[in-house]
Amino acid sequence: MDSVTANEVDSALSARTTDVGDLLLSVREDQWFDRKSRKTSPKELSPALVAFANAEGGTIVIGLHNGMVEGMRRFADRENDLRQTPIDYTSPPVRVEFSRVACINAEDERDYLLVLRIDPSESVHETQNGDCYLRIGDESRRLNFGQRQELVYDKGQSQFDGSPVSASLTDLDKSLLQNYRARGGFTTSDRKMLAARSLLTPAGDLTVAGYLLFGEHPQTLFPSAYIRILRFLTPERGTGARLGVEEGNDVRIEGAIPWAVQQATKEIEARIPVRRALGENGLFEARPIVPRDA
């Protein structure tokens, strides 16, 4: 949790019973803190639990609503249901620490608030109906399929390179496969060769990595998988009328990774300024200003 928000919340929770409610009401809801009404149902609570767990964790206080300290005493029978929310309404279950904090409610009666502390998770969680949420600012935002996949990759649950692709071995460049076979000393079939390098899924499907390495034209499925080489005339890239790209020096290179890397190397070397310098053979020769390794 952000140190500022954490300090404010912890300070409020450790304050005198008469001040706890008002102090928590004064804390701004954000990426790490949220307030909920005592009428919140387990199903309504689950998106917030999932959102915090999928993000950076946080704290939820139940019993505060619309600027008032409601308290939980009169809804004590609902507390058990709320405590069971992580098990019954989130998958995999979100890790939540529950506790009670004494307070004075809006009717000037002794009461308590239910405090939930959610740890950030290494897994991606979803609600009972399969929806995935992420805490963004003061919102628990539902993610679409693409956003959820990005979250899965960010958390390391899955590797994009190892996911299956809608292509087959017939879509691969035979010359690249033959070159790889020769350099690697393989004598087995293409399928077994690719499987040995984890370029096929356990089900035998071609992976993204395999297609990017050996596909005849990977850009058919991955339009953004290309190398772009630009040379600028100014320190700033600029836009519009101030665009600093040198004419004729905006090159886009497509194709499988081995071809693209080789072609990109040639294009870059052709654009690196050279100077005449005395070489090891005692003769003056052209040398690039930028070393090849760099």
C-alpha atoms as a PDB file:
ATOM      1  CA  MET A   1       0.000   0.000   0.000  1.00  0.00           C
ATOM      2  CA  ASP A   2       1.136   3.540  -0.688  1.00  0.00           C
ATOM      3  CA  SER A   3       2.929   4.817   2.410  1.00  0.00           C
ATOM      4  CA  VAL A   4       0.810   7.986   2.692  1.00  0.00           C
ATOM      5  CA  THR A   5      -2.515   6.156   2.450  1.00  0.00           C
ATOM      6  CA  ALA A   6      -1.274   3.356   4.710  1.00  0.00           C
ATOM      7  CA  ASN A   7      -0.217   5.833   7.368  1.00  0.00           C
ATOM      8  CA  GLU A   8      -3.551   7.656   7.237  1.00  0.00           C
ATOM      9  CA  VAL A   9      -5.588   4.445   7.443  1.00  0.00           C
ATOM     10  CA  ASP A  10      -3.448   2.908  10.184  1.00  0.00           C
ATOM     11  CA  SER A  11      -3.503   6.149  12.140  1.00  0.00           C
ATOM     12  CA  ALA A  12      -7.290   6.316  11.891  1.00  0.00           C
ATOM     13  CA  LEU A  13      -7.744   2.675  12.904  1.00  0.00           C
ATOM     14  CA  SER A  14      -5.529   3.140  15.961  1.00  0.00           C
ATOM     15  CA  ALA A  15      -7.251   6.356  17.092  1.00  0.00           C
ATOM     16  CA  ARG A  16      -9.630   6.708  20.035  1.00  0.00           C
ATOM     17  CA  THR A  17     -12.949   4.919  19.667  1.00  0.00           C
ATOM     18  CA  THR A  18     -14.782   8.241  19.489  1.00  0.00           C
ATOM     19  CA  ASP A  19     -12.622   9.403  16.559  1.00  0.00           C
ATOM     20  CA  VAL A  20     -12.158   6.270  14.453  1.00  0.00           C
ATOM     21  CA  GLY A  21     -15.245   6.661  12.304  1.00  0.00           C
ATOM     22  CA  ASP A  22     -14.780  10.339  11.449  1.00  0.00           C
ATOM     23  CA  LEU A  23     -11.092   9.866  10.684  1.00  0.00           C
ATOM     24  CA  LEU A  24     -11.793   6.971   8.314  1.00  0.00           C
ATOM     25  CA  LEU A  25     -14.476   9.025   6.596  1.00  0.00           C
ATOM     26  CA  SER A  26     -11.905  11.753   5.992  1.00  0.00           C
ATOM     27  CA  VAL A  27      -9.408   9.426   4.272  1.00  0.00           C
ATOM     28  CA  ARG A  28      -9.652   9.704   0.495  1.00  0.00           C
ATOM     29  CA  GLU A  29     -10.620   6.526  -1.333  1.00  0.00           C
ATOM     30  CA  ASP A  30      -7.893   5.585  -3.782  1.00  0.00           C
ATOM     31  CA  GLN A  31      -5.818   2.733  -5.161  1.00  0.00           C
ATOM     32  CA  TRP A  32      -5.338   1.240  -1.694  1.00  0.00           C
ATOM     33  CA  PHE A  33      -8.444   2.159   0.325  1.00  0.00           C
ATOM     34  CA  ASP A  34     -12.209   1.748   0.010  1.00  0.00           C
ATOM     35  CA  ARG A  35     -15.285   2.134   2.196  1.00  0.00           C
ATOM     36  CA  LYS A  36     -18.392  -0.045   2.062  1.00  0.00           C
ATOM     37  CA  SER A  37     -21.845   0.128   3.586  1.00  0.00           C
ATOM     38  CA  ARG A  38     -22.900  -2.405   6.198  1.00  0.00           C
ATOM     39  CA  LYS A  39     -25.638  -3.417   3.711  1.00  0.00           C
ATOM     40  CA  THR A  40     -23.039  -4.635   1.218  1.00  0.00           C
ATOM     41  CA  SER A  41     -23.699  -8.251   0.272  1.00  0.00           C
ATOM     42  CA  PRO A  42     -20.956 -10.848  -0.235  1.00  0.00           C
ATOM     43  CA  LYS A  43     -21.630 -10.827  -3.984  1.00  0.00           C
ATOM     44  CA  GLU A  44     -21.260  -7.026  -4.064  1.00  0.00           C
ATOM     45  CA  LEU A  45     -18.067  -7.213  -1.993  1.00  0.00           C
ATOM     46  CA  SER A  46     -16.332  -9.793  -4.193  1.00  0.00           C
ATOM     47  CA  PRO A  47     -15.369  -7.429  -7.091  1.00  0.00           C
ATOM     48  CA  ALA A  48     -13.500  -5.171  -4.654  1.00  0.00           C
ATOM     49  CA  LEU A  49     -11.642  -8.109  -3.102  1.00  0.00           C
ATOM     50  CA  VAL A  50     -10.639  -9.370  -6.546  1.00  0.00           C
ATOM     51  CA  ALA A  51      -9.637  -5.880  -7.707  1.00  0.00           C
ATOM     52  CA  PHE A  52      -7.351  -5.218  -4.731  1.00  0.00           C
ATOM     53  CA  ALA A  53      -5.777  -8.683  -4.890  1.00  0.00           C
ATOM     54  CA  ASN A  54      -5.086  -8.306  -8.616  1.00  0.00           C
ATOM     55  CA  ALA A  55      -3.523  -4.886  -8.016  1.00  0.00           C
ATOM     56  CA  GLU A  56      -1.343  -3.838  -5.083  1.00  0.00           C
ATOM     57  CA  GLY A  57      -3.518  -4.926  -2.186  1.00  0.00           C
ATOM     58  CA  GLY A  58      -5.349  -2.536   0.127  1.00  0.00           C
ATOM     59  CA  THR A  59      -7.811  -2.020   2.948  1.00  0.00           C
ATOM     60  CA  ILE A  60     -11.618  -2.075   2.924  1.00  0.00           C
ATOM     61  CA  VAL A  61     -13.643  -0.799   5.893  1.00  0.00           C
ATOM     62  CA  ILE A  62     -17.258  -1.941   6.090  1.00  0.00           C
ATOM     63  CA  GLY A  63     -19.742   0.102   8.102  1.00  0.00           C
ATOM     64  CA  LEU A  64     -19.181   3.532   6.566  1.00  0.00           C
ATOM     65  CA  HIS A  65     -21.537   5.005   4.004  1.00  0.00           C
ATOM     66  CA  ASN A  66     -22.577   8.360   2.603  1.00  0.00           C
ATOM     67  CA  GLY A  67     -20.493  10.282   5.127  1.00  0.00           C
ATOM     68  CA  MET A  68     -21.987   8.428   8.083  1.00  0.00           C
ATOM     69  CA  VAL A  69     -20.670   5.872  10.554  1.00  0.00           C
ATOM     70  CA  GLU A  70     -23.222   3.065  10.294  1.00  0.00           C
ATOM     71  CA  GLY A  71     -21.385   0.418  12.297  1.00  0.00           C
ATOM     72  CA  MET A  72     -21.902  -3.327  12.046  1.00  0.00           C
ATOM     73  CA  ARG A  73     -23.532  -4.180  15.391  1.00  0.00           C
ATOM     74  CA  ARG A  74     -27.066  -4.348  14.030  1.00  0.00           C
ATOM     75  CA  PHE A  75     -25.872  -6.410  11.045  1.00  0.00           C
ATOM     76  CA  ALA A  76     -23.734  -8.842  13.026  1.00  0.00           C
ATOM     77  CA  ASP A  77     -25.516 -11.798  11.393  1.00  0.00           C
ATOM     78  CA  ARG A  78     -24.177 -10.644   7.997  1.00  0.00           C
ATOM     79  CA  GLU A  79     -20.589 -10.569   9.211  1.00  0.00           C
ATOM     80  CA  ASN A  80     -20.207 -14.332   8.889  1.00  0.00           C
ATOM     81  CA  ASP A  81     -21.379 -14.153   5.272  1.00  0.00           C
ATOM     82  CA  LEU A  82     -18.883 -11.375   4.541  1.00  0.00           C
ATOM     83  CA  ARG A  83     -16.076 -13.374   6.112  1.00  0.00           C
ATOM     84  CA  GLN A  84     -16.934 -16.291   3.819  1.00  0.00           C
ATOM     85  CA  THR A  85     -16.859 -14.108   0.687  1.00  0.00           C
ATOM     86  CA  PRO A  86     -13.265 -14.951  -0.298  1.00  0.00           C
ATOM     87  CA  ILE A  87     -14.091 -18.667  -0.254  1.00  0.00           C
ATOM     88  CA  ASP A  88     -17.560 -18.546  -1.770  1.00  0.00           C
ATOM     89  CA  TYR A  89     -17.291 -15.702  -4.294  1.00  0.00           C
ATOM     90  CA  THR A  90     -13.678 -15.434  -5.485  1.00  0.00           C
ATOM     91  CA  SER A  91     -11.521 -17.870  -7.435  1.00  0.00           C
ATOM     92  CA  PRO A  92      -8.863 -18.691  -6.461  1.00  0.00           C
ATOM     93  CA  PRO A  93      -9.777 -17.500  -2.963  1.00  0.00           C
ATOM     94  CA  VAL A  94      -8.399 -14.050  -2.158  1.00  0.00           C
ATOM     95  CA  ARG A  95      -6.247 -13.821   0.978  1.00  0.00           C
ATOM     96  CA  VAL A  96      -8.051 -11.489   3.379  1.00  0.00           C
ATOM     97  CA  GLU A  97      -7.385 -10.646   7.021  1.00  0.00           C
ATOM     98  CA  PHE A  98     -10.559  -9.668   8.905  1.00  0.00           C
ATOM     99  CA  SER A  99     -10.650  -7.675  12.130  1.00  0.00           C
ATOM    100  CA  ARG A 100     -13.010  -5.513  14.177  1.00  0.00           C
ATOM    101  CA  VAL A 101     -12.366  -1.927  15.240  1.00  0.00           C
ATOM    102  CA  ALA A 102     -14.501  -0.270  17.906  1.00  0.00           C
ATOM    103  CA  CYS A 103     -16.261   2.981  16.994  1.00  0.00           C
ATOM    104  CA  ILE A 104     -19.166   5.272  17.834  1.00  0.00           C
ATOM    105  CA  ASN A 105     -21.905   5.174  15.219  1.00  0.00           C
ATOM    106  CA  ALA A 106     -24.002   8.038  13.869  1.00  0.00           C
ATOM    107  CA  GLU A 107     -26.572   7.484  16.624  1.00  0.00           C
ATOM    108  CA  ASP A 108     -23.869   8.002  19.267  1.00  0.00           C
ATOM    109  CA  GLU A 109     -23.870   4.322  20.240  1.00  0.00           C
ATOM    110  CA  ARG A 110     -20.919   2.017  20.788  1.00  0.00           C
ATOM    111  CA  ASP A 111     -20.420  -0.049  17.646  1.00  0.00           C
ATOM    112  CA  TYR A 112     -17.694  -1.577  15.513  1.00  0.00           C
ATOM    113  CA  LEU A 113     -16.411  -1.561  11.945  1.00  0.00           C
ATOM    114  CA  LEU A 114     -15.276  -4.587   9.965  1.00  0.00           C
ATOM    115  CA  VAL A 115     -11.779  -4.097   8.525  1.00  0.00           C
ATOM    116  CA  LEU A 116     -10.504  -6.166   5.610  1.00  0.00           C
ATOM    117  CA  ARG A 117      -6.842  -6.148   4.641  1.00  0.00           C
ATOM    118  CA  ILE A 118      -6.140  -7.686   1.237  1.00  0.00           C
ATOM    119  CA  ASP A 119      -2.660  -8.771   0.190  1.00  0.00           C
ATOM    120  CA  PRO A 120      -1.472  -8.362  -3.402  1.00  0.00           C
ATOM    121  CA  SER A 121      -1.570 -11.733  -5.110  1.00  0.00           C
ATOM    122  CA  GLU A 122       0.789 -13.506  -7.481  1.00  0.00           C
ATOM    123  CA  SER A 123      -2.245 -15.074  -9.166  1.00  0.00           C
ATOM    124  CA  VAL A 124      -5.068 -13.521 -11.165  1.00  0.00           C
ATOM    125  CA  HIS A 125      -8.385 -13.744  -9.317  1.00  0.00           C
ATOM    126  CA  GLU A 126     -11.948 -13.596 -10.598  1.00  0.00           C
ATOM    127  CA  THR A 127     -15.407 -13.450  -9.092  1.00  0.00           C
ATOM    128  CA  GLN A 128     -17.831 -16.351  -8.894  1.00  0.00           C
ATOM    129  CA  ASN A 129     -19.323 -15.509 -12.312  1.00  0.00           C
ATOM    130  CA  GLY A 130     -15.909 -15.354 -14.009  1.00  0.00           C
ATOM    131  CA  ASP A 131     -15.421 -11.581 -14.126  1.00  0.00           C
ATOM    132  CA  CYS A 132     -11.940 -10.198 -13.497  1.00  0.00           C
ATOM    133  CA  TYR A 133     -11.404  -6.824 -11.779  1.00  0.00           C
ATOM    134  CA  LEU A 134      -8.420  -4.566 -11.173  1.00  0.00           C
ATOM    135  CA  ARG A 135      -8.154  -1.668  -8.732  1.00  0.00           C
ATOM    136  CA  ILE A 136      -7.415   1.469 -10.750  1.00  0.00           C
ATOM    137  CA  GLY A 137      -7.517   4.704  -8.755  1.00  0.00           C
ATOM    138  CA  ASP A 138     -10.682   4.627  -6.669  1.00  0.00           C
ATOM    139  CA  GLU A 139     -12.477   2.180  -8.975  1.00  0.00           C
ATOM    140  CA  SER A 140     -12.694  -1.594  -9.173  1.00  0.00           C
ATOM    141  CA  ARG A 141     -12.664  -1.843 -12.951  1.00  0.00           C
ATOM    142  CA  ARG A 142     -13.822  -4.951 -14.830  1.00  0.00           C
ATOM    143  CA  LEU A 143     -11.278  -6.101 -17.409  1.00  0.00           C
ATOM    144  CA  ASN A 144     -11.997  -7.315 -20.908  1.00  0.00           C
ATOM    145  CA  PHE A 145     -10.341 -10.442 -22.283  1.00  0.00           C
ATOM    146  CA  GLY A 146      -7.279  -8.660 -23.662  1.00  0.00           C
ATOM    147  CA  GLN A 147      -6.705  -6.686 -20.468  1.00  0.00           C
ATOM    148  CA  ARG A 148      -7.054  -9.835 -18.407  1.00  0.00           C
ATOM    149  CA  GLN A 149      -4.474 -11.629 -20.562  1.00  0.00           C
ATOM    150  CA  GLU A 150      -2.048  -8.749 -20.052  1.00  0.00           C
ATOM    151  CA  LEU A 151      -2.573  -9.051 -16.294  1.00  0.00           C
ATOM    152  CA  VAL A 152      -1.891 -12.787 -16.465  1.00  0.00           C
ATOM    153  CA  TYR A 153       1.366 -12.171 -18.337  1.00  0.00           C
ATOM    154  CA  ASP A 154       2.372  -9.363 -15.962  1.00  0.00           C
ATOM    155  CA  LYS A 155       1.947 -11.657 -12.977  1.00  0.00           C
ATOM    156  CA  GLY A 156       3.942 -14.391 -14.674  1.00  0.00           C
ATOM    157  CA  GLN A 157       1.158 -16.995 -14.609  1.00  0.00           C
ATOM    158  CA  SER A 158       1.540 -17.487 -18.314  1.00  0.00           C
ATOM    159  CA  GLN A 159       4.122 -16.637 -20.922  1.00  0.00           C
ATOM    160  CA  PHE A 160       2.862 -15.043 -24.112  1.00  0.00           C
ATOM    161  CA  ASP A 161       5.627 -16.680 -26.176  1.00  0.00           C
ATOM    162  CA  GLY A 162       4.464 -20.115 -25.073  1.00  0.00           C
ATOM    163  CA  SER A 163       0.777 -19.675 -25.842  1.00  0.00           C
ATOM    164  CA  PRO A 164      -0.711 -21.443 -28.886  1.00  0.00           C
ATOM    165  CA  VAL A 165      -1.136 -19.651 -32.195  1.00  0.00           C
ATOM    166  CA  SER A 166      -3.694 -20.242 -34.945  1.00  0.00           C
ATOM    167  CA  ALA A 167      -1.127 -21.536 -37.460  1.00  0.00           C
ATOM    168  CA  SER A 168       0.336 -24.912 -38.385  1.00  0.00           C
ATOM    169  CA  LEU A 169       3.688 -26.286 -39.414  1.00  0.00           C
ATOM    170  CA  THR A 170       2.728 -25.835 -43.072  1.00  0.00           C
ATOM    171  CA  ASP A 171       2.836 -22.064 -42.475  1.00  0.00           C
ATOM    172  CA  LEU A 172       6.532 -22.143 -41.569  1.00  0.00           C
ATOM    173  CA  ASP A 173       9.490 -21.196 -43.760  1.00  0.00           C
ATOM    174  CA  LYS A 174      11.150 -24.449 -44.855  1.00  0.00           C
ATOM    175  CA  SER A 175      14.521 -22.800 -45.489  1.00  0.00           C
ATOM    176  CA  LEU A 176      14.629 -21.437 -41.942  1.00  0.00           C
ATOM    177  CA  LEU A 177      13.718 -24.828 -40.521  1.00  0.00           C
ATOM    178  CA  GLN A 178      16.405 -26.501 -42.623  1.00  0.00           C
ATOM    179  CA  ASN A 179      19.024 -23.986 -41.527  1.00  0.00           C
ATOM    180  CA  TYR A 180      18.066 -24.452 -37.878  1.00  0.00           C
ATOM    181  CA  ARG A 181      18.186 -28.238 -38.311  1.00  0.00           C
ATOM    182  CA  ALA A 182      21.676 -28.083 -39.800  1.00  0.00           C
ATOM    183  CA  ARG A 183      23.067 -25.741 -37.163  1.00  0.00           C
ATOM    184  CA  GLY A 184      21.510 -27.662 -34.299  1.00  0.00           C
ATOM    185  CA  GLY A 185      22.422 -31.090 -35.571  1.00  0.00           C
ATOM    186  CA  PHE A 186      18.847 -32.383 -35.530  1.00  0.00           C
ATOM    187  CA  THR A 187      17.987 -35.574 -37.394  1.00  0.00           C
ATOM    188  CA  THR A 188      14.350 -35.895 -36.288  1.00  0.00           C
ATOM    189  CA  SER A 189      11.186 -34.531 -37.910  1.00  0.00           C
ATOM    190  CA  ASP A 190      10.285 -30.841 -37.843  1.00  0.00           C
ATOM    191  CA  ARG A 191       7.619 -31.517 -35.256  1.00  0.00           C
ATOM    192  CA  LYS A 192       9.990 -33.332 -32.898  1.00  0.00           C
ATOM    193  CA  MET A 193      12.654 -30.675 -33.435  1.00  0.00           C
ATOM    194  CA  LEU A 194      10.264 -27.885 -32.479  1.00  0.00           C
ATOM    195  CA  ALA A 195       8.925 -29.853 -29.521  1.00  0.00           C
ATOM    196  CA  ALA A 196      12.480 -30.367 -28.253  1.00  0.00           C
ATOM    197  CA  ARG A 197      12.892 -26.577 -28.090  1.00  0.00           C
ATOM    198  CA  SER A 198       9.477 -26.015 -26.424  1.00  0.00           C
ATOM    199  CA  LEU A 199       8.152 -24.360 -29.584  1.00  0.00           C
ATOM    200  CA  LEU A 200       5.062 -26.573 -29.467  1.00  0.00           C
ATOM    201  CA  THR A 201       2.499 -26.655 -26.670  1.00  0.00           C
ATOM    202  CA  PRO A 202       1.956 -29.931 -24.729  1.00  0.00           C
ATOM    203  CA  ALA A 203      -1.051 -30.458 -27.002  1.00  0.00           C
ATOM    204  CA  GLY A 204       1.172 -30.217 -30.084  1.00  0.00           C
ATOM    205  CA  ASP A 205       0.107 -26.763 -31.262  1.00  0.00           C
ATOM    206  CA  LEU A 206       2.597 -24.263 -32.626  1.00  0.00           C
ATOM    207  CA  THR A 207       3.493 -21.536 -30.107  1.00  0.00           C
ATOM    208  CA  VAL A 208       3.774 -17.809 -30.671  1.00  0.00           C
ATOM    209  CA  ALA A 209       7.548 -18.086 -30.325  1.00  0.00           C
ATOM    210  CA  GLY A 210       7.710 -20.827 -32.951  1.00  0.00           C
ATOM    211  CA  TYR A 211       5.660 -18.800 -35.402  1.00  0.00           C
ATOM    212  CA  LEU A 212       7.684 -15.626 -34.863  1.00  0.00           C
ATOM    213  CA  LEU A 213      10.917 -17.551 -35.399  1.00  0.00           C
ATOM    214  CA  PHE A 214       9.959 -19.640 -38.413  1.00  0.00           C
ATOM    215  CA  GLY A 215       6.730 -18.245 -39.893  1.00  0.00           C
ATOM    216  CA  GLU A 216       6.801 -17.271 -43.560  1.00  0.00           C
ATOM    217  CA  HIS A 217       5.195 -13.948 -42.668  1.00  0.00           C
ATOM    218  CA  PRO A 218       4.455 -13.632 -38.919  1.00  0.00           C
ATOM    219  CA  GLN A 219       2.980 -10.161 -39.429  1.00  0.00           C
ATOM    220  CA  THR A 220      -0.154 -11.831 -40.805  1.00  0.00           C
ATOM    221  CA  LEU A 221      -1.126 -12.683 -37.225  1.00  0.00           C
ATOM    222  CA  PHE A 222       1.076 -10.168 -35.390  1.00  0.00           C
ATOM    223  CA  PRO A 223       1.009  -6.876 -37.336  1.00  0.00           C
ATOM    224  CA  SER A 224       3.135  -5.121 -34.714  1.00  0.00           C
ATOM    225  CA  ALA A 225       5.930  -7.715 -34.820  1.00  0.00           C
ATOM    226  CA  TYR A 226       8.313  -5.734 -36.973  1.00  0.00           C
ATOM    227  CA  ILE A 227      11.532  -3.751 -36.600  1.00  0.00           C
ATOM    228  CA  ARG A 228      11.472  -0.049 -37.355  1.00  0.00           C
ATOM    229  CA  ILE A 229      14.710   1.833 -37.977  1.00  0.00           C
ATOM    230  CA  LEU A 230      14.754   5.629 -37.958  1.00  0.00           C
ATOM    231  CA  ARG A 231      17.484   8.230 -38.083  1.00  0.00           C
ATOM    232  CA  PHE A 232      16.784  11.648 -36.635  1.00  0.00           C
ATOM    233  CA  LEU A 233      18.273  14.996 -37.582  1.00  0.00           C
ATOM    234  CA  THR A 234      17.551  16.547 -34.197  1.00  0.00           C
ATOM    235  CA  PRO A 235      17.815  15.429 -30.551  1.00  0.00           C
ATOM    236  CA  GLU A 236      14.017  15.546 -30.298  1.00  0.00           C
ATOM    237  CA  ARG A 237      11.755  13.304 -32.342  1.00  0.00           C
ATOM    238  CA  GLY A 238       9.156  16.016 -32.851  1.00  0.00           C
ATOM    239  CA  THR A 239       5.760  15.719 -34.541  1.00  0.00           C
ATOM    240  CA  GLY A 240       3.996  17.163 -37.557  1.00  0.00           C
ATOM    241  CA  ALA A 241       5.921  20.047 -39.124  1.00  0.00           C
ATOM    242  CA  ARG A 242       8.674  19.574 -36.527  1.00  0.00           C
ATOM    243  CA  LEU A 243       9.198  15.866 -37.185  1.00  0.00           C
ATOM    244  CA  GLY A 244      12.948  15.233 -36.997  1.00  0.00           C
ATOM    245  CA  VAL A 245      13.154  12.014 -39.057  1.00  0.00           C
ATOM    246  CA  GLU A 246      15.635  12.217 -41.926  1.00  0.00           C
ATOM    247  CA  GLU A 247      14.038  11.658 -45.344  1.00  0.00           C
ATOM    248  CA  GLY A 248      14.515   8.094 -46.565  1.00  0.00           C
ATOM    249  CA  ASN A 249      15.567   6.849 -43.134  1.00  0.00           C
ATOM    250  CA  ASP A 250      12.347   5.395 -41.810  1.00  0.00           C
ATOM    251  CA  VAL A 251      12.601   1.691 -42.603  1.00  0.00           C
ATOM    252  CA  ARG A 252      10.169  -1.025 -41.558  1.00  0.00           C
ATOM    253  CA  ILE A 253      11.483  -4.588 -41.587  1.00  0.00           C
ATOM    254  CA  GLU A 254       9.133  -7.565 -41.496  1.00  0.00           C
ATOM    255  CA  GLY A 255       9.510 -11.323 -41.755  1.00  0.00           C
ATOM    256  CA  ALA A 256      10.580 -14.027 -39.337  1.00  0.00           C
ATOM    257  CA  ILE A 257      12.923 -13.004 -36.536  1.00  0.00           C
ATOM    258  CA  PRO A 258      16.156 -14.455 -38.060  1.00  0.00           C
ATOM    259  CA  TRP A 259      15.618 -12.653 -41.384  1.00  0.00           C
ATOM    260  CA  ALA A 260      14.458  -9.472 -39.687  1.00  0.00           C
ATOM    261  CA  VAL A 261      17.483  -9.310 -37.386  1.00  0.00           C
ATOM    262  CA  GLN A 262      19.926  -9.865 -40.249  1.00  0.00           C
ATOM    263  CA  GLN A 263      18.254  -7.235 -42.428  1.00  0.00           C
ATOM    264  CA  ALA A 264      18.051  -4.782 -39.517  1.00  0.00           C
ATOM    265  CA  THR A 265      21.780  -5.239 -38.874  1.00  0.00           C
ATOM    266  CA  LYS A 266      22.587  -4.336 -42.471  1.00  0.00           C
ATOM    267  CA  GLU A 267      20.290  -1.298 -42.439  1.00  0.00           C
ATOM    268  CA  ILE A 268      21.729   0.021 -39.175  1.00  0.00           C
ATOM    269  CA  GLU A 269      25.338  -0.479 -40.248  1.00  0.00           C
ATOM    270  CA  ALA A 270      24.630   1.386 -43.473  1.00  0.00           C
ATOM    271  CA  ARG A 271      23.430   4.381 -41.460  1.00  0.00           C
ATOM    272  CA  ILE A 272      26.130   4.594 -38.794  1.00  0.00           C
ATOM    273  CA  PRO A 273      28.575   7.458 -39.485  1.00  0.00           C
ATOM    274  CA  VAL A 274      32.167   6.368 -40.144  1.00  0.00           C
ATOM    275  CA  ARG A 275      35.498   8.123 -39.746  1.00  0.00           C
ATOM    276  CA  ARG A 276      38.940   7.486 -41.159  1.00  0.00           C
ATOM    277  CA  ALA A 277      41.343   6.167 -38.554  1.00  0.00           C
ATOM    278  CA  LEU A 278      44.631   4.344 -38.436  1.00  0.00           C
ATOM    279  CA  GLY A 279      43.995   0.623 -38.278  1.00  0.00           C
ATOM    280  CA  GLU A 280      46.013  -2.209 -36.775  1.00  0.00           C
ATOM    281  CA  ASN A 281      47.540  -2.918 -40.186  1.00  0.00           C
ATOM    282  CA  GLY A 282      49.118   0.529 -40.237  1.00  0.00           C
ATOM    283  CA  LEU A 283      46.749   1.853 -42.897  1.00  0.00           C
ATOM    284  CA  PHE A 284      43.981   4.411 -42.631  1.00  0.00           C
ATOM    285  CA  GLU A 285      40.572   2.813 -42.951  1.00  0.00           C
ATOM    286  CA  ALA A 286      36.892   3.587 -42.372  1.00  0.00           C
ATOM    287  CA  ARG A 287      35.697   2.807 -38.867  1.00  0.00           C
ATOM    288  CA  PRO A 288      32.162   3.242 -37.488  1.00  0.00           C
ATOM    289  CA  ILE A 289      31.787   5.873 -34.792  1.00  0.00           C
ATOM    290  CA  VAL A 290      29.494   3.538 -32.847  1.00  0.00           C
ATOM    291  CA  PRO A 291      31.092   0.114 -32.112  1.00  0.00           C
ATOM    292  CA  ARG A 292      29.260  -2.850 -33.620  1.00  0.00           C
ATOM    293  CA  ASP A 293      28.683  -4.470 -30.222  1.00  0.00           C
ATOM    294  CA  ALA A 294      26.913  -1.353 -28.965  1.00  0.00           C
END
